[in-house]
C-alpha atoms as a PDB file:
ATOM      1  CA  UNK A   1     -10.133   9.511 -12.458  1.00  0.00           C
ATOM      2  CA  UNK A   2      -9.185  11.892  -9.664  1.00  0.00           C
ATOM      3  CA  UNK A   3      -5.750  11.678  -7.887  1.00  0.00           C
ATOM      4  CA  UNK A   4      -5.517  13.207  -4.509  1.00  0.00           C
ATOM      5  CA  UNK A   5      -2.189  13.876  -2.785  1.00  0.00           C
ATOM      6  CA  UNK A   6      -1.886  12.511   0.812  1.00  0.00           C
ATOM      7  CA  UNK A   7       0.154  14.043   3.543  1.00  0.00           C
ATOM      8  CA  UNK A   8       3.168  12.730   1.550  1.00  0.00           C
ATOM      9  CA  UNK A   9       2.493  14.209  -1.756  1.00  0.00           C
ATOM     10  CA  UNK A  10       3.999  11.421  -3.873  1.00  0.00           C
ATOM     11  CA  UNK A  11       1.370   8.943  -2.485  1.00  0.00           C
ATOM     12  CA  UNK A  12      -1.915   9.409  -4.134  1.00  0.00           C
ATOM     13  CA  UNK A  13      -5.394   8.436  -3.243  1.00  0.00           C
ATOM     14  CA  UNK A  14      -7.082   7.480  -6.589  1.00  0.00           C
ATOM     15  CA  UNK A  15     -10.687   7.932  -6.939  1.00  0.00           C
ATOM     16  CA  UNK A  16     -12.287   6.313 -10.036  1.00  0.00           C
ATOM     17  CA  UNK A  17     -15.261   7.691 -12.118  1.00  0.00           C
ATOM     18  CA  UNK A  18     -18.194   5.417 -11.079  1.00  0.00           C
ATOM     19  CA  UNK A  19     -21.085   5.038 -13.432  1.00  0.00           C
ATOM     20  CA  UNK A  20     -24.103   3.320 -11.813  1.00  0.00           C
ATOM     21  CA  UNK A  21     -27.864   2.761 -12.365  1.00  0.00           C
ATOM     22  CA  UNK A  22     -30.419   0.296 -11.036  1.00  0.00           C
ATOM     23  CA  UNK A  23     -28.372  -2.625 -12.238  1.00  0.00           C
ATOM     24  CA  UNK A  24     -25.095  -1.772 -10.337  1.00  0.00           C
ATOM     25  CA  UNK A  25     -22.177   0.031 -11.306  1.00  0.00           C
ATOM     26  CA  UNK A  26     -19.134   0.239 -13.807  1.00  0.00           C
ATOM     27  CA  UNK A  27     -15.687   1.767 -13.085  1.00  0.00           C
ATOM     28  CA  UNK A  28     -12.265   1.838 -14.679  1.00  0.00           C
ATOM     29  CA  UNK A  29      -9.967   0.374 -12.244  1.00  0.00           C
ATOM     30  CA  UNK A  30      -6.774   1.285 -14.120  1.00  0.00           C
ATOM     31  CA  UNK A  31      -6.006   2.688 -17.673  1.00  0.00           C
ATOM     32  CA  UNK A  32      -2.480   3.006 -19.377  1.00  0.00           C
ATOM     33  CA  UNK A  33      -1.783   6.812 -19.188  1.00  0.00           C
ATOM     34  CA  UNK A  34      -4.364   7.444 -16.457  1.00  0.00           C
ATOM     35  CA  UNK A  35      -1.977   8.141 -13.737  1.00  0.00           C
ATOM     36  CA  UNK A  36       0.330   9.878 -16.128  1.00  0.00           C
ATOM     37  CA  UNK A  37      -2.272  12.579 -16.270  1.00  0.00           C
ATOM     38  CA  UNK A  38      -1.380  13.180 -12.665  1.00  0.00           C
ATOM     39  CA  UNK A  39       2.301  13.194 -13.237  1.00  0.00           C
ATOM     40  CA  UNK A  40       2.984   9.467 -12.504  1.00  0.00           C
ATOM     41  CA  UNK A  41       4.510   7.421 -15.391  1.00  0.00           C
ATOM     42  CA  UNK A  42       4.118   3.661 -14.710  1.00  0.00           C
ATOM     43  CA  UNK A  43       4.566   0.307 -16.337  1.00  0.00           C
ATOM     44  CA  UNK A  44       2.831  -2.337 -14.211  1.00  0.00           C
ATOM     45  CA  UNK A  45       4.410  -5.748 -14.599  1.00  0.00           C
ATOM     46  CA  UNK A  46       2.587  -7.953 -12.069  1.00  0.00           C
ATOM     47  CA  UNK A  47      -0.740  -8.066 -10.427  1.00  0.00           C
ATOM     48  CA  UNK A  48      -1.230  -9.643  -7.021  1.00  0.00           C
ATOM     49  CA  UNK A  49      -4.197 -10.813  -4.763  1.00  0.00           C
ATOM     50  CA  UNK A  50      -4.284 -11.405  -1.174  1.00  0.00           C
ATOM     51  CA  UNK A  51      -7.214 -12.583   1.105  1.00  0.00           C
ATOM     52  CA  UNK A  52      -6.917 -11.816   4.839  1.00  0.00           C
ATOM     53  CA  UNK A  53      -8.939 -12.383   7.961  1.00  0.00           C
ATOM     54  CA  UNK A  54     -10.042  -9.435  10.193  1.00  0.00           C
ATOM     55  CA  UNK A  55      -7.262  -8.382  12.431  1.00  0.00           C
ATOM     56  CA  UNK A  56      -4.491  -9.531  10.180  1.00  0.00           C
ATOM     57  CA  UNK A  57      -1.477  -7.275   9.814  1.00  0.00           C
ATOM     58  CA  UNK A  58       0.869  -7.612   6.650  1.00  0.00           C
ATOM     59  CA  UNK A  59       3.982  -5.727   6.441  1.00  0.00           C
ATOM     60  CA  UNK A  60       6.129  -3.535   6.176  1.00  0.00           C
ATOM     61  CA  UNK A  61       7.551  -4.947   3.095  1.00  0.00           C
ATOM     62  CA  UNK A  62       9.907  -3.651   0.344  1.00  0.00           C
ATOM     63  CA  UNK A  63      12.359  -4.747  -2.178  1.00  0.00           C
ATOM     64  CA  UNK A  64      15.596  -2.826  -1.927  1.00  0.00           C
ATOM     65  CA  UNK A  65      17.385  -3.181  -5.344  1.00  0.00           C
ATOM     66  CA  UNK A  66      14.167  -3.547  -7.294  1.00  0.00           C
ATOM     67  CA  UNK A  67      11.755  -1.304  -5.627  1.00  0.00           C
ATOM     68  CA  UNK A  68       8.033  -1.651  -6.515  1.00  0.00           C
ATOM     69  CA  UNK A  69       5.455   0.941  -6.923  1.00  0.00           C
ATOM     70  CA  UNK A  70       2.049  -0.417  -6.134  1.00  0.00           C
ATOM     71  CA  UNK A  71      -1.354   0.436  -6.914  1.00  0.00           C
ATOM     72  CA  UNK A  72      -3.500  -1.007  -4.161  1.00  0.00           C
ATOM     73  CA  UNK A  73      -7.138  -1.687  -4.122  1.00  0.00           C
ATOM     74  CA  UNK A  74      -9.770  -3.378  -1.905  1.00  0.00           C
ATOM     75  CA  UNK A  75     -12.287  -5.365  -3.502  1.00  0.00           C
ATOM     76  CA  UNK A  76     -13.906  -7.056  -0.501  1.00  0.00           C
ATOM     77  CA  UNK A  77     -13.878  -5.837   3.038  1.00  0.00           C
ATOM     78  CA  UNK A  78     -11.772  -2.830   4.428  1.00  0.00           C
ATOM     79  CA  UNK A  79      -8.083  -2.187   5.429  1.00  0.00           C
ATOM     80  CA  UNK A  80      -5.999   0.450   6.783  1.00  0.00           C
ATOM     81  CA  UNK A  81      -3.108   0.851   4.270  1.00  0.00           C
ATOM     82  CA  UNK A  82       0.318   2.300   5.133  1.00  0.00           C
ATOM     83  CA  UNK A  83       3.253   3.491   3.305  1.00  0.00           C
ATOM     84  CA  UNK A  84       6.578   4.542   4.821  1.00  0.00           C
ATOM     85  CA  UNK A  85       9.004   6.723   2.844  1.00  0.00           C
ATOM     86  CA  UNK A  86      12.433   4.918   2.705  1.00  0.00           C
ATOM     87  CA  UNK A  87      14.071   7.515   0.355  1.00  0.00           C
ATOM     88  CA  UNK A  88      16.906   9.209   2.157  1.00  0.00           C
ATOM     89  CA  UNK A  89      16.835  12.258  -0.208  1.00  0.00           C
ATOM     90  CA  UNK A  90      13.035  12.872   0.449  1.00  0.00           C
ATOM     91  CA  UNK A  91      11.861  15.531   2.699  1.00  0.00           C
ATOM     92  CA  UNK A  92       9.565  12.929   3.835  1.00  0.00           C
ATOM     93  CA  UNK A  93      12.002  10.227   4.769  1.00  0.00           C
ATOM     94  CA  UNK A  94      10.991   8.164   7.631  1.00  0.00           C
ATOM     95  CA  UNK A  95       7.353   9.555   7.580  1.00  0.00           C
ATOM     96  CA  UNK A  96       4.250   7.247   7.090  1.00  0.00           C
ATOM     97  CA  UNK A  97       0.938   7.833   5.543  1.00  0.00           C
ATOM     98  CA  UNK A  98      -2.044   5.718   6.463  1.00  0.00           C
ATOM     99  CA  UNK A  99      -5.330   5.405   4.379  1.00  0.00           C
ATOM    100  CA  UNK A 100      -8.602   3.509   4.996  1.00  0.00           C
ATOM    101  CA  UNK A 101      -9.446   1.647   1.799  1.00  0.00           C
ATOM    102  CA  UNK A 102     -12.726  -0.315   1.237  1.00  0.00           C
ATOM    103  CA  UNK A 103     -14.530  -2.263  -1.426  1.00  0.00           C
ATOM    104  CA  UNK A 104     -17.451   0.017  -0.699  1.00  0.00           C
ATOM    105  CA  UNK A 105     -15.270   3.268  -1.377  1.00  0.00           C
ATOM    106  CA  UNK A 106     -13.730   1.758  -4.382  1.00  0.00           C
ATOM    107  CA  UNK A 107     -10.585   4.009  -4.000  1.00  0.00           C
ATOM    108  CA  UNK A 108      -7.120   2.974  -4.553  1.00  0.00           C
ATOM    109  CA  UNK A 109      -3.760   4.154  -3.211  1.00  0.00           C
ATOM    110  CA  UNK A 110      -0.677   4.875  -5.536  1.00  0.00           C
ATOM    111  CA  UNK A 111       2.563   3.994  -3.459  1.00  0.00           C
ATOM    112  CA  UNK A 112       5.550   4.875  -5.416  1.00  0.00           C
ATOM    113  CA  UNK A 113       8.871   3.061  -5.532  1.00  0.00           C
ATOM    114  CA  UNK A 114      11.034   3.901  -2.670  1.00  0.00           C
ATOM    115  CA  UNK A 115       8.368   3.122   0.102  1.00  0.00           C
ATOM    116  CA  UNK A 116       7.736   0.076   2.142  1.00  0.00           C
ATOM    117  CA  UNK A 117       4.016  -1.156   2.578  1.00  0.00           C
ATOM    118  CA  UNK A 118       1.760  -2.812   4.857  1.00  0.00           C
ATOM    119  CA  UNK A 119      -1.871  -2.997   5.807  1.00  0.00           C
ATOM    120  CA  UNK A 120      -4.164  -4.005   8.534  1.00  0.00           C
ATOM    121  CA  UNK A 121      -7.604  -5.637   7.926  1.00  0.00           C
ATOM    122  CA  UNK A 122     -10.248  -3.555   9.739  1.00  0.00           C
ATOM    123  CA  UNK A 123     -13.340  -5.516   8.272  1.00  0.00           C
ATOM    124  CA  UNK A 124     -12.802  -8.874   6.719  1.00  0.00           C
ATOM    125  CA  UNK A 125     -12.120 -11.076   5.246  1.00  0.00           C
ATOM    126  CA  UNK A 126     -10.520  -8.685   3.062  1.00  0.00           C
ATOM    127  CA  UNK A 127      -9.524  -9.075  -0.738  1.00  0.00           C
ATOM    128  CA  UNK A 128      -6.687  -6.784  -1.604  1.00  0.00           C
ATOM    129  CA  UNK A 129      -5.339  -6.501  -5.221  1.00  0.00           C
ATOM    130  CA  UNK A 130      -2.426  -4.597  -6.255  1.00  0.00           C
ATOM    131  CA  UNK A 131      -0.611  -3.840  -9.466  1.00  0.00           C
ATOM    132  CA  UNK A 132       3.387  -3.600  -9.181  1.00  0.00           C
ATOM    133  CA  UNK A 133       5.773  -1.839 -11.408  1.00  0.00           C
ATOM    134  CA  UNK A 134       8.572  -4.529 -10.546  1.00  0.00           C
ATOM    135  CA  UNK A 135       8.509  -8.343 -10.486  1.00  0.00           C
ATOM    136  CA  UNK A 136       8.696  -9.909  -6.984  1.00  0.00           C
ATOM    137  CA  UNK A 137      12.277 -10.914  -6.285  1.00  0.00           C
ATOM    138  CA  UNK A 138      12.397 -12.985  -2.880  1.00  0.00           C
ATOM    139  CA  UNK A 139      16.244 -12.464  -2.570  1.00  0.00           C
ATOM    140  CA  UNK A 140      15.644  -8.650  -2.502  1.00  0.00           C
ATOM    141  CA  UNK A 141      12.707  -8.711  -0.163  1.00  0.00           C
ATOM    142  CA  UNK A 142      12.903  -6.729   3.254  1.00  0.00           C
ATOM    143  CA  UNK A 143      10.813  -6.343   6.029  1.00  0.00           C
ATOM    144  CA  UNK A 144      10.593  -3.474   8.874  1.00  0.00           C
ATOM    145  CA  UNK A 145       8.885  -4.192  12.157  1.00  0.00           C
ATOM    146  CA  UNK A 146       5.344  -2.960  11.862  1.00  0.00           C
ATOM    147  CA  UNK A 147       5.256  -1.721  15.309  1.00  0.00           C
ATOM    148  CA  UNK A 148       8.585   0.144  15.279  1.00  0.00           C
ATOM    149  CA  UNK A 149       8.478   2.875  18.024  1.00  0.00           C
ATOM    150  CA  UNK A 150      10.471   5.330  15.863  1.00  0.00           C
ATOM    151  CA  UNK A 151       7.923   5.143  13.104  1.00  0.00           C
ATOM    152  CA  UNK A 152       5.107   5.332  15.654  1.00  0.00           C
ATOM    153  CA  UNK A 153       2.514   4.173  13.169  1.00  0.00           C
ATOM    154  CA  UNK A 154      -0.927   4.758  14.517  1.00  0.00           C
ATOM    155  CA  UNK A 155      -2.529   1.309  13.431  1.00  0.00           C
ATOM    156  CA  UNK A 156      -6.245   1.273  14.332  1.00  0.00           C
ATOM    157  CA  UNK A 157      -5.894  -2.020  16.137  1.00  0.00           C
ATOM    158  CA  UNK A 158      -9.116  -3.622  17.610  1.00  0.00           C
ATOM    159  CA  UNK A 159      -7.014  -6.423  19.222  1.00  0.00           C
ATOM    160  CA  UNK A 160      -3.634  -7.996  18.868  1.00  0.00           C
ATOM    161  CA  UNK A 161      -3.153  -8.408  15.263  1.00  0.00           C
ATOM    162  CA  UNK A 162      -2.387 -11.802  13.317  1.00  0.00           C
ATOM    163  CA  UNK A 163       1.086 -11.477  12.225  1.00  0.00           C
ATOM    164  CA  UNK A 164       3.240 -13.829  10.237  1.00  0.00           C
ATOM    165  CA  UNK A 165       6.506 -15.131  11.947  1.00  0.00           C
ATOM    166  CA  UNK A 166       8.570 -13.141   9.188  1.00  0.00           C
ATOM    167  CA  UNK A 167       6.701  -9.882  10.295  1.00  0.00           C
ATOM    168  CA  UNK A 168       7.132 -10.680  13.850  1.00  0.00           C
ATOM    169  CA  UNK A 169      10.936 -10.956  13.445  1.00  0.00           C
ATOM    170  CA  UNK A 170      11.349  -7.917  11.124  1.00  0.00           C
ATOM    171  CA  UNK A 171      14.176  -5.324  11.772  1.00  0.00           C
ATOM    172  CA  UNK A 172      13.612  -2.135  13.404  1.00  0.00           C
ATOM    173  CA  UNK A 173      13.373   1.038  11.174  1.00  0.00           C
ATOM    174  CA  UNK A 174      16.913   2.270  12.408  1.00  0.00           C
ATOM    175  CA  UNK A 175      18.446  -0.939  11.147  1.00  0.00           C
ATOM    176  CA  UNK A 176      16.655  -1.039   7.729  1.00  0.00           C
ATOM    177  CA  UNK A 177      18.365  -0.672   4.507  1.00  0.00           C
ATOM    178  CA  UNK A 178      17.018   2.604   2.802  1.00  0.00           C
ATOM    179  CA  UNK A 179      16.979   3.878  -0.698  1.00  0.00           C
ATOM    180  CA  UNK A 180      19.212   6.804  -1.926  1.00  0.00           C
END
């Protein structure tokens, strides 16, 4: 597996080794110690799966007291995946990185704890699977407005996105609670 730093070096694009022949292909999607070879020590405790229609936008979500690291992979369709650094002590605080992920490309995105996360479905339906380093805690859940003007995320919108009521009512970045 290769781990390629993005414009925010803590967020990594993970490329698996793909072994293929006339029957199809095989790839290792995760192996304990695999990310450690690239300086990332993780202990995943929960796997999540979502299916979303084309044009759906989910996010920007995070957990404040129990931050989740996420390894995000698309197994059907394609998304534009976004991570925003919410760590005040980070040189990239308030910056975002966006990466196209698709079932065809088979890459994953490592988003460390301390970031909020969201995605927009560019080709759907899209099945998104992600491993988390912390259990979901609804009382700790937070949401930042996906179209916050201060963040100015360049979403590749083809039309007005399908957004949940919760995401529509999310707080602006300036009013969000951050990590130390």
